[in-house]
């Protein structure tokens, strides 16, 4: 972890917990299976299964997990880009799960997104001034002209870019500059929540730290709320106040970030932390040995690589086939959410049946 990323360390919490800006309750998202003339009707793919969490105003929730866990689908459900089968998305006490027409347009002014690839998310045929300005016109009613150009220039300055960028096309900019433009576009409508879907994974490491610092500064100055989706656990640790871990569409653990890193409550969380590379060869060997103990992987056909469709057929814990601590009940019954000492919850039978999880002693410190 570079020093510049470390400078983005979240501020110390206060005794007063702000009310949730976003609350997700029992969210379920399914996708229809592809049909075939020669096959029977297939079971829909269940990408998100009864996921619940909340984000206080002005705070960051980091959503982590392997590829295919359902993180981006959760984000798209919050943004109303995919259909929600069941559950609720509550924003400032208002259920936005079924909004349409003008109320949906107004909601999308409150909630913006920064995607993973800044190039594919920007119109390659429009200059930056038009890319950022079109949202100002649509949501704030300011037509193209001097007033809008001044607003665009201020937004670009706010994200560390000069006004000269207004006349540039996206392919004339570096990756870091394009992502700054994407952030400026999100800020153009004065949102309250920004969904950051892997916003740094397509960038060089040095540029990643700059973007993280920028997001932290914007949160401090504007009180923004973030849903931050990432594979980078070190980055999630430095920008997130709380952490949520997904596996096969299920939220298996959540809680204060430092508690999750210091005392992970779910074997899958332990496995993720043990998979994080460290510069110390001795610690790296220790983590490799820990991964082999945690991750049995006895049935690859039902692993995460088989896709979230497997989750629909799972009757017990979805991690049972990979867990070294598996019990009979794990294969038969889905564990319920259980409170964890130190804050948060976990979906694991080891906390409700038999012996409590004994931590394997991996060093997860800085």
Foldseek 3Di string as FASTA:
>chain_A
DDPLLLVLFADDDDPDFADFQKWWFQWWAWAADDDDPPDDGDDTFTQAGGDIDTFGFLFEEEEAEDPQLNLVVVVCQLLVVGQIPDTFMAGPNRTPNDDDDPVSVVVCLQEEEQEQFLVVVFDQVAQLLCRQLVVCCVQVVDDDDDVSLVLLQVLLVLLPHHSVSRRDGPVVDDRLSSSSSSVSSSPSSPYQEYEYANHPPVDDPVSSSSVSNSVSVCSVVSRHYYHYYHHQLVSCLRRHQKYWYGGLNYGFWIWGSVCCLVPNQDLVSLLSLLPHDDPDPVLVVVSVVVNVQAFVQQDVCLHCVVHSSSVVVQAFDSRQNTGNPHDPRRRHHFFDWDADPVTITGGDCLVVDDHGDDDPDRDNDD
